[in-house]
């Protein structure tokens, strides 16, 4: 008989990263949802409870930044941790900021 291999135990209270389809249901593109889910899984940090008011508010704001009417000069990287966002802004053509790139990091307390 062959013994079944078991997956390594996760630490108590640890949760898997949100599934990409649950993030897509919140308004994220398939590509962004997949990248965010993968980055959260690789981070080793505890995944957020997507039903908490804190997470729902941040996910709603993040979805708005990534929405169909998003500003093409603003790029939001898929977060590895919902409380830490990195936003890249490109200077508008014809402005004194044209060609400049700015990288902003936002940290949100729970």
N, C-alpha and C. Protein backbone atom coordinates (compact mmCIF):
# COMPACT_ATOMS: atom_id res chain seq x y z
N UNK A 1 0.84 -1.19 0.00
CA UNK A 1 0.00 0.00 0.00
C UNK A 1 0.88 1.24 0.00
N UNK A 2 0.36 2.30 -0.58
CA UNK A 2 1.11 3.55 -0.71
C UNK A 2 0.51 4.56 0.26
N UNK A 3 1.35 5.18 1.05
CA UNK A 3 0.88 6.19 2.00
C UNK A 3 0.58 7.48 1.25
N UNK A 4 -0.50 8.12 1.60
CA UNK A 4 -0.87 9.39 0.98
C UNK A 4 0.00 10.51 1.53
N UNK A 5 0.49 11.33 0.64
CA UNK A 5 1.30 12.48 1.06
C UNK A 5 0.35 13.58 1.53
N UNK A 6 0.70 14.24 2.57
CA UNK A 6 -0.14 15.33 3.05
C UNK A 6 0.58 16.66 2.86
N UNK A 7 -0.19 17.69 2.67
CA UNK A 7 0.37 19.03 2.51
C UNK A 7 0.90 19.51 3.85
N UNK A 8 1.92 20.35 3.83
CA UNK A 8 2.43 20.88 5.10
C UNK A 8 1.34 21.67 5.81
N UNK A 9 1.32 21.54 7.11
CA UNK A 9 0.30 22.25 7.90
C UNK A 9 0.57 23.74 7.86
N UNK A 10 -0.49 24.51 7.76
CA UNK A 10 -0.37 25.97 7.80
C UNK A 10 -0.41 26.40 9.25
N UNK A 11 0.24 27.49 9.59
CA UNK A 11 0.18 27.98 10.96
C UNK A 11 -1.26 28.27 11.38
N UNK A 12 -1.55 28.10 12.65
CA UNK A 12 -2.90 28.37 13.16
C UNK A 12 -3.31 29.79 12.83
N UNK A 13 -4.52 29.95 12.36
CA UNK A 13 -5.04 31.28 12.05
C UNK A 13 -4.62 31.79 10.69
N UNK A 14 -3.76 31.03 9.98
CA UNK A 14 -3.31 31.46 8.66
C UNK A 14 -4.39 31.10 7.64
N UNK A 15 -4.55 31.93 6.66
CA UNK A 15 -5.56 31.68 5.63
C UNK A 15 -4.89 31.77 4.27
N UNK A 16 -5.41 31.01 3.32
CA UNK A 16 -4.89 31.05 1.96
C UNK A 16 -5.22 32.40 1.33
N UNK A 17 -4.48 32.74 0.28
CA UNK A 17 -4.75 33.99 -0.45
C UNK A 17 -6.13 33.88 -1.09
N UNK A 18 -6.78 35.02 -1.30
CA UNK A 18 -8.10 35.00 -1.95
C UNK A 18 -8.00 34.39 -3.34
N UNK A 19 -9.00 33.63 -3.73
CA UNK A 19 -9.03 33.04 -5.07
C UNK A 19 -9.22 34.13 -6.11
N UNK A 20 -8.56 34.01 -7.26
CA UNK A 20 -8.72 35.03 -8.30
C UNK A 20 -10.18 35.28 -8.69
N UNK A 21 -11.00 34.20 -8.73
CA UNK A 21 -12.40 34.41 -9.13
C UNK A 21 -13.17 35.24 -8.12
N UNK A 22 -12.81 35.14 -6.83
CA UNK A 22 -13.49 35.98 -5.83
C UNK A 22 -13.08 37.45 -6.01
N UNK A 23 -11.85 37.69 -6.45
CA UNK A 23 -11.40 39.05 -6.71
C UNK A 23 -12.02 39.60 -8.00
N UNK A 24 -12.17 38.72 -9.00
CA UNK A 24 -12.83 39.14 -10.24
C UNK A 24 -14.28 39.54 -9.96
N UNK A 25 -14.93 38.83 -9.06
CA UNK A 25 -16.32 39.16 -8.72
C UNK A 25 -16.42 40.54 -8.09
N UNK A 26 -15.31 41.06 -7.58
CA UNK A 26 -15.29 42.39 -6.97
C UNK A 26 -14.95 43.47 -7.99
N UNK A 27 -14.77 43.10 -9.25
CA UNK A 27 -14.55 44.09 -10.29
C UNK A 27 -13.14 44.16 -10.86
N UNK A 28 -12.27 43.24 -10.47
CA UNK A 28 -10.90 43.25 -10.97
C UNK A 28 -10.81 42.42 -12.24
N UNK A 29 -9.91 42.81 -13.15
CA UNK A 29 -9.69 42.03 -14.37
C UNK A 29 -9.10 40.67 -13.99
N UNK A 30 -9.22 39.73 -14.91
CA UNK A 30 -8.69 38.39 -14.67
C UNK A 30 -7.18 38.45 -14.41
N UNK A 31 -6.47 39.24 -15.21
CA UNK A 31 -5.01 39.36 -15.07
C UNK A 31 -4.62 39.96 -13.72
N UNK A 32 -5.28 41.07 -13.35
CA UNK A 32 -4.96 41.74 -12.09
C UNK A 32 -5.32 40.85 -10.90
N UNK A 33 -6.49 40.20 -10.96
CA UNK A 33 -6.93 39.32 -9.87
C UNK A 33 -5.97 38.16 -9.69
N UNK A 34 -5.52 37.57 -10.80
CA UNK A 34 -4.57 36.47 -10.72
C UNK A 34 -3.25 36.91 -10.13
N UNK A 35 -2.76 38.07 -10.55
CA UNK A 35 -1.49 38.59 -10.04
C UNK A 35 -1.59 38.94 -8.56
N UNK A 36 -2.71 39.54 -8.16
CA UNK A 36 -2.88 39.91 -6.75
C UNK A 36 -2.96 38.66 -5.88
N UNK A 37 -3.71 37.66 -6.32
CA UNK A 37 -3.83 36.42 -5.56
C UNK A 37 -2.48 35.74 -5.42
N UNK A 38 -1.72 35.67 -6.52
CA UNK A 38 -0.40 35.04 -6.49
C UNK A 38 0.56 35.80 -5.58
N UNK A 39 0.56 37.12 -5.66
CA UNK A 39 1.47 37.92 -4.81
C UNK A 39 1.11 37.77 -3.33
N UNK A 40 -0.19 37.71 -3.02
CA UNK A 40 -0.61 37.52 -1.63
C UNK A 40 -0.17 36.15 -1.12
N UNK A 41 -0.30 35.13 -1.96
CA UNK A 41 0.11 33.78 -1.57
C UNK A 41 1.62 33.70 -1.33
N UNK A 42 2.40 34.38 -2.17
CA UNK A 42 3.86 34.35 -2.05
C UNK A 42 4.38 35.19 -0.89
N UNK A 43 3.58 36.14 -0.43
CA UNK A 43 4.06 37.06 0.61
C UNK A 43 4.27 36.38 1.95
N UNK A 44 3.55 35.28 2.18
CA UNK A 44 3.66 34.60 3.46
C UNK A 44 2.88 35.28 4.57
N UNK A 45 2.20 36.38 4.24
CA UNK A 45 1.41 37.10 5.24
C UNK A 45 0.00 36.52 5.29
N UNK A 46 -0.64 36.73 6.41
CA UNK A 46 -2.01 36.27 6.59
C UNK A 46 -2.92 36.98 5.59
N UNK A 47 -3.72 36.20 4.90
CA UNK A 47 -4.65 36.77 3.92
C UNK A 47 -5.77 37.53 4.64
N UNK A 48 -6.25 38.60 4.04
CA UNK A 48 -7.32 39.37 4.69
C UNK A 48 -8.66 38.64 4.62
N UNK A 49 -9.51 38.92 5.59
CA UNK A 49 -10.89 38.45 5.54
C UNK A 49 -11.62 39.39 4.59
N UNK A 50 -11.95 38.91 3.40
CA UNK A 50 -12.55 39.77 2.38
C UNK A 50 -13.92 40.29 2.76
N UNK A 51 -14.52 39.73 3.81
CA UNK A 51 -15.83 40.20 4.25
C UNK A 51 -15.75 41.25 5.35
N UNK A 52 -14.56 41.55 5.82
CA UNK A 52 -14.43 42.56 6.87
C UNK A 52 -14.67 43.95 6.27
N UNK A 53 -15.23 44.87 7.03
CA UNK A 53 -15.45 46.23 6.50
C UNK A 53 -14.15 46.87 6.00
N UNK A 54 -13.06 46.64 6.71
CA UNK A 54 -11.75 47.21 6.32
C UNK A 54 -11.36 46.72 4.93
N UNK A 55 -11.40 45.40 4.72
CA UNK A 55 -10.98 44.84 3.44
C UNK A 55 -11.95 45.24 2.32
N UNK A 56 -13.23 45.24 2.60
CA UNK A 56 -14.22 45.59 1.57
C UNK A 56 -14.04 47.04 1.11
N UNK A 57 -13.74 47.93 2.05
CA UNK A 57 -13.52 49.34 1.71
C UNK A 57 -12.28 49.49 0.83
N UNK A 58 -11.17 48.85 1.24
CA UNK A 58 -9.94 48.96 0.46
C UNK A 58 -10.09 48.31 -0.91
N UNK A 59 -10.74 47.15 -0.97
CA UNK A 59 -10.94 46.50 -2.27
C UNK A 59 -11.82 47.33 -3.19
N UNK A 60 -12.81 47.99 -2.62
CA UNK A 60 -13.68 48.87 -3.41
C UNK A 60 -12.88 50.04 -3.99
N UNK A 61 -12.05 50.65 -3.17
CA UNK A 61 -11.22 51.77 -3.62
C UNK A 61 -10.21 51.30 -4.67
N UNK A 62 -9.62 50.15 -4.45
CA UNK A 62 -8.65 49.60 -5.40
C UNK A 62 -9.34 49.29 -6.73
N UNK A 63 -10.53 48.73 -6.68
CA UNK A 63 -11.28 48.43 -7.90
C UNK A 63 -11.60 49.72 -8.67
N UNK A 64 -11.91 50.79 -7.95
CA UNK A 64 -12.19 52.07 -8.61
C UNK A 64 -10.95 52.60 -9.33
N UNK A 65 -9.78 52.48 -8.70
CA UNK A 65 -8.54 52.91 -9.34
C UNK A 65 -8.23 52.08 -10.58
N UNK A 66 -8.66 50.82 -10.57
CA UNK A 66 -8.38 49.90 -11.68
C UNK A 66 -9.54 49.83 -12.67
N UNK A 67 -10.60 50.58 -12.46
CA UNK A 67 -11.81 50.48 -13.27
C UNK A 67 -11.65 50.91 -14.72
N UNK A 68 -12.72 50.77 -15.46
CA UNK A 68 -12.73 51.07 -16.90
C UNK A 68 -12.39 52.53 -17.19
N UNK A 69 -12.78 53.43 -16.29
CA UNK A 69 -12.52 54.86 -16.51
C UNK A 69 -11.26 55.33 -15.78
N UNK A 70 -10.34 54.37 -15.53
CA UNK A 70 -9.11 54.72 -14.80
C UNK A 70 -8.27 55.70 -15.60
N UNK A 71 -7.50 56.46 -14.89
CA UNK A 71 -6.58 57.42 -15.51
C UNK A 71 -5.40 56.65 -16.10
N UNK A 72 -5.13 56.81 -17.39
CA UNK A 72 -4.02 56.05 -17.99
C UNK A 72 -2.65 56.44 -17.44
N UNK A 73 -2.56 57.54 -16.73
CA UNK A 73 -1.29 57.98 -16.17
C UNK A 73 -1.05 57.41 -14.77
N UNK A 74 -2.04 56.68 -14.24
CA UNK A 74 -1.94 56.10 -12.90
C UNK A 74 -1.96 54.59 -13.03
N UNK A 75 -0.95 53.94 -12.46
CA UNK A 75 -0.86 52.48 -12.51
C UNK A 75 -0.75 51.96 -11.09
N UNK A 76 -1.63 51.03 -10.75
CA UNK A 76 -1.61 50.42 -9.42
C UNK A 76 -1.06 49.01 -9.56
N UNK A 77 -0.03 48.69 -8.81
CA UNK A 77 0.53 47.35 -8.83
C UNK A 77 -0.35 46.42 -8.00
N UNK A 78 -0.51 45.16 -8.42
CA UNK A 78 -1.27 44.22 -7.59
C UNK A 78 -0.60 44.09 -6.22
N UNK A 79 -1.34 44.35 -5.14
CA UNK A 79 -0.71 44.31 -3.82
C UNK A 79 -0.46 42.89 -3.33
N UNK A 80 0.68 42.70 -2.64
CA UNK A 80 0.97 41.43 -1.98
C UNK A 80 0.30 41.41 -0.62
N UNK A 81 0.00 42.58 -0.11
CA UNK A 81 -0.67 42.74 1.18
C UNK A 81 -1.67 43.86 0.99
N UNK A 82 -2.91 43.61 1.30
CA UNK A 82 -3.96 44.59 1.04
C UNK A 82 -3.70 45.93 1.73
N UNK A 83 -2.93 45.92 2.81
CA UNK A 83 -2.67 47.16 3.55
C UNK A 83 -1.52 47.97 2.97
N UNK A 84 -0.84 47.46 1.92
CA UNK A 84 0.29 48.17 1.32
C UNK A 84 0.10 48.24 -0.20
N UNK A 85 -0.17 49.43 -0.70
CA UNK A 85 -0.34 49.63 -2.14
C UNK A 85 0.84 50.41 -2.69
N UNK A 86 1.21 50.10 -3.92
CA UNK A 86 2.21 50.88 -4.65
C UNK A 86 1.52 51.43 -5.89
N UNK A 87 1.57 52.75 -6.04
CA UNK A 87 0.93 53.43 -7.16
C UNK A 87 2.01 54.19 -7.93
N UNK A 88 2.02 54.02 -9.24
CA UNK A 88 2.97 54.74 -10.09
C UNK A 88 2.21 55.77 -10.90
N UNK A 89 2.72 56.99 -10.89
CA UNK A 89 2.09 58.09 -11.63
C UNK A 89 3.09 58.62 -12.66
N UNK A 90 2.62 58.78 -13.88
CA UNK A 90 3.44 59.34 -14.96
C UNK A 90 2.99 60.77 -15.22
N UNK A 91 3.95 61.67 -15.37
CA UNK A 91 3.63 63.07 -15.63
C UNK A 91 2.83 63.24 -16.92
N UNK A 92 1.86 64.11 -16.88
CA UNK A 92 0.97 64.34 -18.02
C UNK A 92 1.71 64.98 -19.19
N UNK A 93 1.41 64.52 -20.42
CA UNK A 93 2.02 65.14 -21.60
C UNK A 93 1.68 66.63 -21.66
N UNK A 94 2.66 67.42 -22.04
CA UNK A 94 2.45 68.86 -22.16
C UNK A 94 2.59 69.62 -20.85
N UNK A 95 2.77 68.91 -19.75
CA UNK A 95 2.95 69.58 -18.46
C UNK A 95 4.43 69.63 -18.11
N UNK A 96 4.77 70.37 -17.08
CA UNK A 96 6.18 70.41 -16.65
C UNK A 96 6.62 69.06 -16.08
N UNK A 97 5.66 68.17 -15.82
CA UNK A 97 5.97 66.85 -15.27
C UNK A 97 6.07 65.77 -16.34
N UNK A 98 5.91 66.17 -17.63
CA UNK A 98 5.93 65.19 -18.71
C UNK A 98 7.21 64.36 -18.67
N UNK A 99 7.03 63.04 -18.79
CA UNK A 99 8.17 62.13 -18.79
C UNK A 99 8.65 61.73 -17.39
N UNK A 100 8.17 62.41 -16.37
CA UNK A 100 8.56 62.08 -15.00
C UNK A 100 7.71 60.91 -14.51
N UNK A 101 8.28 60.09 -13.64
CA UNK A 101 7.54 58.98 -13.03
C UNK A 101 7.69 59.07 -11.52
N UNK A 102 6.58 58.87 -10.86
CA UNK A 102 6.55 58.95 -9.41
C UNK A 102 6.02 57.63 -8.88
N UNK A 103 6.62 57.15 -7.82
CA UNK A 103 6.22 55.89 -7.20
C UNK A 103 5.80 56.21 -5.76
N UNK A 104 4.54 55.95 -5.46
CA UNK A 104 3.99 56.23 -4.14
C UNK A 104 3.63 54.93 -3.44
N UNK A 105 3.91 54.86 -2.16
CA UNK A 105 3.51 53.69 -1.38
C UNK A 105 2.53 54.14 -0.32
N UNK A 106 1.39 53.47 -0.26
CA UNK A 106 0.36 53.78 0.73
C UNK A 106 0.25 52.61 1.69
N UNK A 107 0.25 52.92 2.98
CA UNK A 107 0.08 51.90 4.02
C UNK A 107 -1.19 52.21 4.79
N UNK A 108 -2.06 51.23 4.88
CA UNK A 108 -3.35 51.40 5.56
C UNK A 108 -3.37 50.59 6.83
N UNK A 109 -3.72 51.24 7.93
CA UNK A 109 -3.87 50.55 9.22
C UNK A 109 -5.20 49.83 9.25
N UNK A 110 -5.23 48.76 9.99
CA UNK A 110 -6.48 48.01 10.17
C UNK A 110 -7.27 48.60 11.30
